[in-house]
Amino acid sequence: MTENHPWQQRTRAAGLTQRVLARLLGYTDATVSSQLRGHREGGVPRHVVAVIVMWEMLTPEQRDRVVAAVDSEFGSRSPGTDPDSGGAAESNRIRALEKQVKELTRRLEKAERER
């Protein structure tokens, strides 16, 4: 990430590497780089923003658990093809990630209410 797009800055500030973000989303590093710079139609995709915002809210231990849970579902290797070509595997990755984001958000909100 050589440019200084605001979402690239936020990603770095949150301690989320482009490689880990690509791994979580099931995208190639090149796709995530392009998305973070807003080079895709419509700017930075909403699901990419959601993962970055979620990452900012998590403790290091929670971050490790999210990566482990996604790896458990899909494996830890990067995809060989760009998911922008579509396909059921990509839809499944997005649904699983959205489910993880919702569950973690629910847990964070519950913990904040209990404080």
C-alpha atoms as a PDB file:
ATOM      1  CA  MET A   1       0.000   0.000   0.000  1.00  0.00           C
ATOM      2  CA  THR A   2       1.917   3.004  -1.207  1.00  0.00           C
ATOM      3  CA  GLU A   3      -0.878   5.523  -1.655  1.00  0.00           C
ATOM      4  CA  ASN A   4      -2.389   7.366   1.278  1.00  0.00           C
ATOM      5  CA  HIS A   5      -6.106   6.783   0.829  1.00  0.00           C
ATOM      6  CA  PRO A   6      -8.079   7.306   4.081  1.00  0.00           C
ATOM      7  CA  TRP A   7      -9.117   3.646   4.281  1.00  0.00           C
ATOM      8  CA  GLN A   8      -5.526   2.555   3.791  1.00  0.00           C
ATOM      9  CA  GLN A   9      -4.559   4.840   6.676  1.00  0.00           C
ATOM     10  CA  ARG A  10      -7.304   3.456   8.903  1.00  0.00           C
ATOM     11  CA  THR A  11      -6.344  -0.097   8.034  1.00  0.00           C
ATOM     12  CA  ARG A  12      -2.726   0.560   8.995  1.00  0.00           C
ATOM     13  CA  ALA A  13      -3.712   2.439  12.149  1.00  0.00           C
ATOM     14  CA  ALA A  14      -5.870  -0.509  13.235  1.00  0.00           C
ATOM     15  CA  GLY A  15      -2.946  -2.894  12.789  1.00  0.00           C
ATOM     16  CA  LEU A  16      -4.705  -4.760   9.992  1.00  0.00           C
ATOM     17  CA  THR A  17      -2.324  -5.695   7.216  1.00  0.00           C
ATOM     18  CA  GLN A  18      -3.458  -5.809   3.628  1.00  0.00           C
ATOM     19  CA  ARG A  19      -2.475  -9.493   3.529  1.00  0.00           C
ATOM     20  CA  VAL A  20      -4.663 -10.390   6.547  1.00  0.00           C
ATOM     21  CA  LEU A  21      -7.554  -8.340   5.161  1.00  0.00           C
ATOM     22  CA  ALA A  22      -7.239 -10.177   1.833  1.00  0.00           C
ATOM     23  CA  ARG A  23      -7.140 -13.490   3.696  1.00  0.00           C
ATOM     24  CA  LEU A  24     -10.272 -12.657   5.679  1.00  0.00           C
ATOM     25  CA  LEU A  25     -12.178 -11.515   2.612  1.00  0.00           C
ATOM     26  CA  GLY A  26     -10.944 -14.298   0.360  1.00  0.00           C
ATOM     27  CA  TYR A  27      -9.505 -11.812  -2.097  1.00  0.00           C
ATOM     28  CA  THR A  28      -6.083 -11.473  -3.654  1.00  0.00           C
ATOM     29  CA  ASP A  29      -3.758  -8.833  -2.239  1.00  0.00           C
ATOM     30  CA  ALA A  30      -4.051  -6.912  -5.511  1.00  0.00           C
ATOM     31  CA  THR A  31      -7.855  -6.814  -5.272  1.00  0.00           C
ATOM     32  CA  VAL A  32      -7.770  -5.546  -1.683  1.00  0.00           C
ATOM     33  CA  SER A  33      -5.164  -2.935  -2.598  1.00  0.00           C
ATOM     34  CA  SER A  34      -7.391  -1.664  -5.389  1.00  0.00           C
ATOM     35  CA  GLN A  35     -10.466  -1.699  -3.148  1.00  0.00           C
ATOM     36  CA  LEU A  36      -8.718   0.227  -0.354  1.00  0.00           C
ATOM     37  CA  ARG A  37      -7.736   2.932  -2.808  1.00  0.00           C
ATOM     38  CA  GLY A  38     -11.342   3.221  -3.996  1.00  0.00           C
ATOM     39  CA  HIS A  39     -10.465   2.140  -7.533  1.00  0.00           C
ATOM     40  CA  ARG A  40     -13.510  -0.101  -7.843  1.00  0.00           C
ATOM     41  CA  GLU A  41     -16.871   1.141  -9.039  1.00  0.00           C
ATOM     42  CA  GLY A  42     -18.621   2.821  -6.117  1.00  0.00           C
ATOM     43  CA  GLY A  43     -15.431   3.414  -4.125  1.00  0.00           C
ATOM     44  CA  VAL A  44     -14.346   1.264  -1.196  1.00  0.00           C
ATOM     45  CA  PRO A  45     -16.836  -1.620  -0.877  1.00  0.00           C
ATOM     46  CA  ARG A  46     -19.101  -1.599   2.162  1.00  0.00           C
ATOM     47  CA  HIS A  47     -18.019  -5.064   3.327  1.00  0.00           C
ATOM     48  CA  VAL A  48     -14.356  -3.979   3.281  1.00  0.00           C
ATOM     49  CA  VAL A  49     -15.225  -0.938   5.390  1.00  0.00           C
ATOM     50  CA  ALA A  50     -17.239  -3.153   7.762  1.00  0.00           C
ATOM     51  CA  VAL A  51     -14.288  -5.469   8.343  1.00  0.00           C
ATOM     52  CA  ILE A  52     -11.923  -2.547   8.991  1.00  0.00           C
ATOM     53  CA  VAL A  53     -14.352  -0.935  11.450  1.00  0.00           C
ATOM     54  CA  MET A  54     -14.892  -4.286  13.175  1.00  0.00           C
ATOM     55  CA  TRP A  55     -11.126  -4.840  13.393  1.00  0.00           C
ATOM     56  CA  GLU A  56     -10.720  -1.455  15.101  1.00  0.00           C
ATOM     57  CA  MET A  57     -13.155  -2.558  17.813  1.00  0.00           C
ATOM     58  CA  LEU A  58     -11.528  -5.900  18.571  1.00  0.00           C
ATOM     59  CA  THR A  59      -8.851  -6.786  21.084  1.00  0.00           C
ATOM     60  CA  PRO A  60      -5.777  -8.599  19.764  1.00  0.00           C
ATOM     61  CA  GLU A  61      -7.173 -11.863  21.139  1.00  0.00           C
ATOM     62  CA  GLN A  62     -10.509 -11.322  19.382  1.00  0.00           C
ATOM     63  CA  ARG A  63      -8.681 -10.533  16.151  1.00  0.00           C
ATOM     64  CA  ASP A  64      -6.786 -13.802  16.403  1.00  0.00           C
ATOM     65  CA  ARG A  65     -10.056 -15.653  16.977  1.00  0.00           C
ATOM     66  CA  VAL A  66     -11.676 -14.044  13.923  1.00  0.00           C
ATOM     67  CA  VAL A  67      -8.740 -15.008  11.695  1.00  0.00           C
ATOM     68  CA  ALA A  68      -8.779 -18.558  13.125  1.00  0.00           C
ATOM     69  CA  ALA A  69     -12.548 -18.878  12.611  1.00  0.00           C
ATOM     70  CA  VAL A  70     -12.376 -17.719   8.992  1.00  0.00           C
ATOM     71  CA  ASP A  71      -9.373 -19.955   8.354  1.00  0.00           C
ATOM     72  CA  SER A  72     -11.316 -22.844   9.873  1.00  0.00           C
ATOM     73  CA  GLU A  73     -14.148 -22.258   7.411  1.00  0.00           C
ATOM     74  CA  PHE A  74     -12.083 -21.623   4.289  1.00  0.00           C
ATOM     75  CA  GLY A  75      -8.430 -22.435   4.941  1.00  0.00           C
ATOM     76  CA  SER A  76      -5.606 -19.964   5.312  1.00  0.00           C
ATOM     77  CA  ARG A  77      -4.356 -19.826   1.749  1.00  0.00           C
ATOM     78  CA  SER A  78      -5.071 -16.897  -0.502  1.00  0.00           C
ATOM     79  CA  PRO A  79      -7.385 -17.542  -3.436  1.00  0.00           C
ATOM     80  CA  GLY A  80      -5.807 -18.308  -6.760  1.00  0.00           C
ATOM     81  CA  THR A  81      -8.310 -16.276  -8.734  1.00  0.00           C
ATOM     82  CA  ASP A  82      -9.830 -12.885  -8.271  1.00  0.00           C
ATOM     83  CA  PRO A  83     -13.277 -13.159  -6.670  1.00  0.00           C
ATOM     84  CA  ASP A  84     -14.586 -10.282  -8.762  1.00  0.00           C
ATOM     85  CA  SER A  85     -15.294 -12.955 -11.349  1.00  0.00           C
ATOM     86  CA  GLY A  86     -18.110 -14.149  -9.060  1.00  0.00           C
ATOM     87  CA  GLY A  87     -19.013 -17.631  -7.902  1.00  0.00           C
ATOM     88  CA  ALA A  88     -20.600 -19.468  -5.012  1.00  0.00           C
ATOM     89  CA  ALA A  89     -17.376 -19.692  -2.998  1.00  0.00           C
ATOM     90  CA  GLU A  90     -17.119 -15.906  -2.893  1.00  0.00           C
ATOM     91  CA  SER A  91     -20.729 -15.549  -1.764  1.00  0.00           C
ATOM     92  CA  ASN A  92     -20.127 -18.122   0.957  1.00  0.00           C
ATOM     93  CA  ARG A  93     -17.033 -16.245   2.187  1.00  0.00           C
ATOM     94  CA  ILE A  94     -18.934 -12.977   2.360  1.00  0.00           C
ATOM     95  CA  ARG A  95     -21.871 -14.569   4.203  1.00  0.00           C
ATOM     96  CA  ALA A  96     -19.556 -16.248   6.718  1.00  0.00           C
ATOM     97  CA  LEU A  97     -17.670 -13.015   7.308  1.00  0.00           C
ATOM     98  CA  GLU A  98     -20.888 -11.045   7.702  1.00  0.00           C
ATOM     99  CA  LYS A  99     -22.045 -13.625  10.250  1.00  0.00           C
ATOM    100  CA  GLN A 100     -18.781 -13.253  12.189  1.00  0.00           C
ATOM    101  CA  VAL A 101     -19.045  -9.450  12.102  1.00  0.00           C
ATOM    102  CA  LYS A 102     -22.637  -9.540  13.399  1.00  0.00           C
ATOM    103  CA  GLU A 103     -21.767 -11.972  16.184  1.00  0.00           C
ATOM    104  CA  LEU A 104     -18.729  -9.986  17.292  1.00  0.00           C
ATOM    105  CA  THR A 105     -20.701  -6.737  17.169  1.00  0.00           C
ATOM    106  CA  ARG A 106     -23.421  -8.323  19.301  1.00  0.00           C
ATOM    107  CA  ARG A 107     -20.834  -9.502  21.839  1.00  0.00           C
ATOM    108  CA  LEU A 108     -19.120  -6.102  21.965  1.00  0.00           C
ATOM    109  CA  GLU A 109     -22.423  -4.300  22.489  1.00  0.00           C
ATOM    110  CA  LYS A 110     -23.374  -6.746  25.254  1.00  0.00           C
ATOM    111  CA  ALA A 111     -20.009  -6.270  26.983  1.00  0.00           C
ATOM    112  CA  GLU A 112     -20.370  -2.488  26.804  1.00  0.00           C
ATOM    113  CA  ARG A 113     -23.873  -2.634  28.315  1.00  0.00           C
ATOM    114  CA  GLU A 114     -22.596  -4.795  31.163  1.00  0.00           C
ATOM    115  CA  ARG A 115     -19.843  -2.313  32.118  1.00  0.00           C
END
